[in-house]
Amino acid sequence: GDRCEFIAGDALESVPVGCDGYILSNFVNSLSDASVVTVLGHCRRAIRPHGRLILLEWVQATGDEPQGSYRAWDSTTMDIVMLAAFGSRGGRIRTESEFRSLLGLAGFTFSALVPTRGAIFVIEATPR
């Protein structure tokens, strides 16, 4: 309990400075690419040099993955929900490649993509 703190706020404005890690769960999928880079940029400027950024997000299946899999179905369904809920704001389910690009633009190095039992992945990044 003394190693973790939950802090409310608006990540589009700022994040707490000097933390070892930042976890964003089911968050960036509701934002446009520009807003994602803004939020990740705040995290990059605030994070300690050897910190970790963790994103818990749906990752869209690509053409080289089995399209009949649960993950492909679930991420595509969620993408349609995102279009209905956030269409004009740019929220959507992104591919691994898109996450790599957005993290890179914000000054992070993509470290790992860890699958879970569902369509959500743990995406780990470190500051460059």
C-alpha atoms as a PDB file:
ATOM      1  CA  GLY A   1       0.000   0.000   0.000  1.00  0.00           C
ATOM      2  CA  ASP A   2       2.824   2.452   0.656  1.00  0.00           C
ATOM      3  CA  ARG A   3       4.348   1.862  -2.808  1.00  0.00           C
ATOM      4  CA  CYS A   4       1.315   2.896  -4.861  1.00  0.00           C
ATOM      5  CA  GLU A   5      -0.861   5.960  -4.936  1.00  0.00           C
ATOM      6  CA  PHE A   6      -4.026   6.650  -6.928  1.00  0.00           C
ATOM      7  CA  ILE A   7      -4.341  10.294  -7.899  1.00  0.00           C
ATOM      8  CA  ALA A   8      -7.310  11.837  -9.677  1.00  0.00           C
ATOM      9  CA  GLY A   9      -6.743  14.470 -12.302  1.00  0.00           C
ATOM     10  CA  ASP A  10      -6.818  15.320 -15.982  1.00  0.00           C
ATOM     11  CA  ALA A  11      -3.986  13.614 -17.860  1.00  0.00           C
ATOM     12  CA  LEU A  12      -4.609  15.938 -20.818  1.00  0.00           C
ATOM     13  CA  GLU A  13      -3.405  18.756 -18.543  1.00  0.00           C
ATOM     14  CA  SER A  14      -0.641  17.073 -16.500  1.00  0.00           C
ATOM     15  CA  VAL A  15       0.356  14.020 -14.481  1.00  0.00           C
ATOM     16  CA  PRO A  16       2.134  13.860 -11.105  1.00  0.00           C
ATOM     17  CA  VAL A  17       5.887  14.348 -11.488  1.00  0.00           C
ATOM     18  CA  GLY A  18       8.665  11.986 -10.418  1.00  0.00           C
ATOM     19  CA  CYS A  19       6.962   8.611 -10.269  1.00  0.00           C
ATOM     20  CA  ASP A  20       8.580   5.259 -11.059  1.00  0.00           C
ATOM     21  CA  GLY A  21       5.603   4.137 -13.088  1.00  0.00           C
ATOM     22  CA  TYR A  22       2.393   5.278 -14.677  1.00  0.00           C
ATOM     23  CA  ILE A  23      -0.532   2.984 -15.465  1.00  0.00           C
ATOM     24  CA  LEU A  24      -3.250   4.004 -17.894  1.00  0.00           C
ATOM     25  CA  SER A  25      -6.045   1.466 -18.125  1.00  0.00           C
ATOM     26  CA  ASN A  26      -8.644   1.491 -20.900  1.00  0.00           C
ATOM     27  CA  PHE A  27      -7.935   5.179 -21.373  1.00  0.00           C
ATOM     28  CA  VAL A  28      -6.065   6.084 -24.540  1.00  0.00           C
ATOM     29  CA  ASN A  29      -8.544   4.176 -26.710  1.00  0.00           C
ATOM     30  CA  SER A  30     -11.037   7.011 -26.164  1.00  0.00           C
ATOM     31  CA  LEU A  31      -8.610   9.684 -27.420  1.00  0.00           C
ATOM     32  CA  SER A  32      -7.464  10.950 -30.817  1.00  0.00           C
ATOM     33  CA  ASP A  33      -3.854  10.289 -31.814  1.00  0.00           C
ATOM     34  CA  ALA A  34      -2.926  13.914 -31.009  1.00  0.00           C
ATOM     35  CA  SER A  35      -4.471  13.655 -27.530  1.00  0.00           C
ATOM     36  CA  VAL A  36      -2.739  10.309 -26.925  1.00  0.00           C
ATOM     37  CA  VAL A  37       0.627  11.884 -27.760  1.00  0.00           C
ATOM     38  CA  THR A  38      -0.206  14.776 -25.396  1.00  0.00           C
ATOM     39  CA  VAL A  39      -1.014  12.421 -22.497  1.00  0.00           C
ATOM     40  CA  LEU A  40       1.988  10.176 -23.177  1.00  0.00           C
ATOM     41  CA  GLY A  41       4.181  13.281 -23.479  1.00  0.00           C
ATOM     42  CA  HIS A  42       3.061  14.399 -20.011  1.00  0.00           C
ATOM     43  CA  CYS A  43       3.958  10.952 -18.697  1.00  0.00           C
ATOM     44  CA  ARG A  44       7.342  11.061 -20.452  1.00  0.00           C
ATOM     45  CA  ARG A  45       8.288  14.438 -18.982  1.00  0.00           C
ATOM     46  CA  ALA A  46       7.145  13.366 -15.505  1.00  0.00           C
ATOM     47  CA  ILE A  47       8.530   9.819 -15.277  1.00  0.00           C
ATOM     48  CA  ARG A  48      11.836   8.973 -13.601  1.00  0.00           C
ATOM     49  CA  PRO A  49      14.648   7.920 -15.977  1.00  0.00           C
ATOM     50  CA  HIS A  50      14.284   4.192 -15.282  1.00  0.00           C
ATOM     51  CA  GLY A  51      10.506   4.217 -14.881  1.00  0.00           C
ATOM     52  CA  ARG A  52       7.885   2.184 -16.714  1.00  0.00           C
ATOM     53  CA  LEU A  53       4.717   3.204 -18.498  1.00  0.00           C
ATOM     54  CA  ILE A  54       2.022   0.530 -18.536  1.00  0.00           C
ATOM     55  CA  LEU A  55      -1.002   0.709 -20.824  1.00  0.00           C
ATOM     56  CA  LEU A  56      -3.844  -1.784 -20.397  1.00  0.00           C
ATOM     57  CA  GLU A  57      -5.655  -1.563 -23.721  1.00  0.00           C
ATOM     58  CA  TRP A  58      -7.383  -3.476 -26.472  1.00  0.00           C
ATOM     59  CA  VAL A  59      -5.035  -4.095 -29.388  1.00  0.00           C
ATOM     60  CA  GLN A  60      -6.595  -4.469 -32.823  1.00  0.00           C
ATOM     61  CA  ALA A  61      -5.784  -7.723 -34.596  1.00  0.00           C
ATOM     62  CA  THR A  62      -3.971  -7.327 -37.910  1.00  0.00           C
ATOM     63  CA  GLY A  63      -4.202  -9.236 -41.181  1.00  0.00           C
ATOM     64  CA  ASP A  64      -1.562 -11.778 -40.167  1.00  0.00           C
ATOM     65  CA  GLU A  65      -3.548 -12.920 -37.106  1.00  0.00           C
ATOM     66  CA  PRO A  66      -6.395 -15.470 -37.162  1.00  0.00           C
ATOM     67  CA  GLN A  67      -9.540 -13.437 -37.916  1.00  0.00           C
ATOM     68  CA  GLY A  68     -11.828 -16.024 -36.311  1.00  0.00           C
ATOM     69  CA  SER A  69     -10.150 -15.736 -32.927  1.00  0.00           C
ATOM     70  CA  TYR A  70     -11.897 -14.297 -29.891  1.00  0.00           C
ATOM     71  CA  ARG A  71      -9.361 -11.469 -29.744  1.00  0.00           C
ATOM     72  CA  ALA A  72     -10.006 -10.435 -33.342  1.00  0.00           C
ATOM     73  CA  TRP A  73     -13.758 -10.524 -32.795  1.00  0.00           C
ATOM     74  CA  ASP A  74     -13.609  -8.671 -29.463  1.00  0.00           C
ATOM     75  CA  SER A  75     -11.224  -5.939 -30.604  1.00  0.00           C
ATOM     76  CA  THR A  76     -13.244  -5.347 -33.795  1.00  0.00           C
ATOM     77  CA  THR A  77     -16.480  -5.181 -31.818  1.00  0.00           C
ATOM     78  CA  MET A  78     -14.923  -2.728 -29.375  1.00  0.00           C
ATOM     79  CA  ASP A  79     -13.652  -0.638 -32.294  1.00  0.00           C
ATOM     80  CA  ILE A  80     -17.238  -0.328 -33.551  1.00  0.00           C
ATOM     81  CA  VAL A  81     -18.366   0.689 -30.048  1.00  0.00           C
ATOM     82  CA  MET A  82     -15.568   3.283 -29.975  1.00  0.00           C
ATOM     83  CA  LEU A  83     -16.708   4.637 -33.341  1.00  0.00           C
ATOM     84  CA  ALA A  84     -20.257   5.004 -32.043  1.00  0.00           C
ATOM     85  CA  ALA A  85     -19.184   6.553 -28.723  1.00  0.00           C
ATOM     86  CA  PHE A  86     -16.189   8.668 -29.734  1.00  0.00           C
ATOM     87  CA  GLY A  87     -16.252   8.801 -33.545  1.00  0.00           C
ATOM     88  CA  SER A  88     -15.751  12.521 -33.981  1.00  0.00           C
ATOM     89  CA  ARG A  89     -13.088  12.645 -31.245  1.00  0.00           C
ATOM     90  CA  GLY A  90     -10.870  10.020 -32.861  1.00  0.00           C
ATOM     91  CA  GLY A  91     -11.115   7.309 -30.210  1.00  0.00           C
ATOM     92  CA  ARG A  92     -10.516   3.832 -31.580  1.00  0.00           C
ATOM     93  CA  ILE A  93      -8.806   0.517 -31.025  1.00  0.00           C
ATOM     94  CA  ARG A  94      -5.227   0.660 -32.291  1.00  0.00           C
ATOM     95  CA  THR A  95      -2.837  -1.945 -33.644  1.00  0.00           C
ATOM     96  CA  GLU A  96       0.480  -2.805 -32.034  1.00  0.00           C
ATOM     97  CA  SER A  97       2.205  -0.808 -34.767  1.00  0.00           C
ATOM     98  CA  GLU A  98       0.095   2.248 -33.986  1.00  0.00           C
ATOM     99  CA  PHE A  99       0.920   1.974 -30.270  1.00  0.00           C
ATOM    100  CA  ARG A 100       4.628   1.707 -31.126  1.00  0.00           C
ATOM    101  CA  SER A 101       4.398   4.844 -33.251  1.00  0.00           C
ATOM    102  CA  LEU A 102       2.476   6.907 -30.681  1.00  0.00           C
ATOM    103  CA  LEU A 103       4.812   5.854 -27.887  1.00  0.00           C
ATOM    104  CA  GLY A 104       7.805   6.766 -30.039  1.00  0.00           C
ATOM    105  CA  LEU A 105       6.368  10.205 -30.823  1.00  0.00           C
ATOM    106  CA  ALA A 106       5.996  10.811 -27.087  1.00  0.00           C
ATOM    107  CA  GLY A 107       9.591   9.795 -26.280  1.00  0.00           C
ATOM    108  CA  PHE A 108       9.075   6.211 -25.146  1.00  0.00           C
ATOM    109  CA  THR A 109      10.549   2.935 -26.328  1.00  0.00           C
ATOM    110  CA  PHE A 110       8.041   0.121 -26.764  1.00  0.00           C
ATOM    111  CA  SER A 111       9.279  -2.678 -24.469  1.00  0.00           C
ATOM    112  CA  ALA A 112       6.679  -5.426 -24.420  1.00  0.00           C
ATOM    113  CA  LEU A 113       3.231  -6.498 -25.503  1.00  0.00           C
ATOM    114  CA  VAL A 114       1.885  -9.038 -23.034  1.00  0.00           C
ATOM    115  CA  PRO A 115      -1.367 -10.843 -23.868  1.00  0.00           C
ATOM    116  CA  THR A 116      -3.996 -11.585 -21.261  1.00  0.00           C
ATOM    117  CA  ARG A 117      -6.759 -14.193 -21.421  1.00  0.00           C
ATOM    118  CA  GLY A 118      -9.007 -11.663 -23.155  1.00  0.00           C
ATOM    119  CA  ALA A 119      -8.479  -9.062 -25.850  1.00  0.00           C
ATOM    120  CA  ILE A 120      -6.778  -6.625 -23.460  1.00  0.00           C
ATOM    121  CA  PHE A 121      -2.993  -6.434 -23.594  1.00  0.00           C
ATOM    122  CA  VAL A 122      -0.420  -5.074 -21.209  1.00  0.00           C
ATOM    123  CA  ILE A 123       1.777  -2.656 -23.162  1.00  0.00           C
ATOM    124  CA  GLU A 124       5.024  -1.704 -21.484  1.00  0.00           C
ATOM    125  CA  ALA A 125       7.212   1.228 -22.480  1.00  0.00           C
ATOM    126  CA  THR A 126      10.313   2.891 -21.079  1.00  0.00           C
ATOM    127  CA  PRO A 127      11.576   6.442 -21.465  1.00  0.00           C
ATOM    128  CA  ARG A 128      14.214   7.061 -24.135  1.00  0.00           C
END
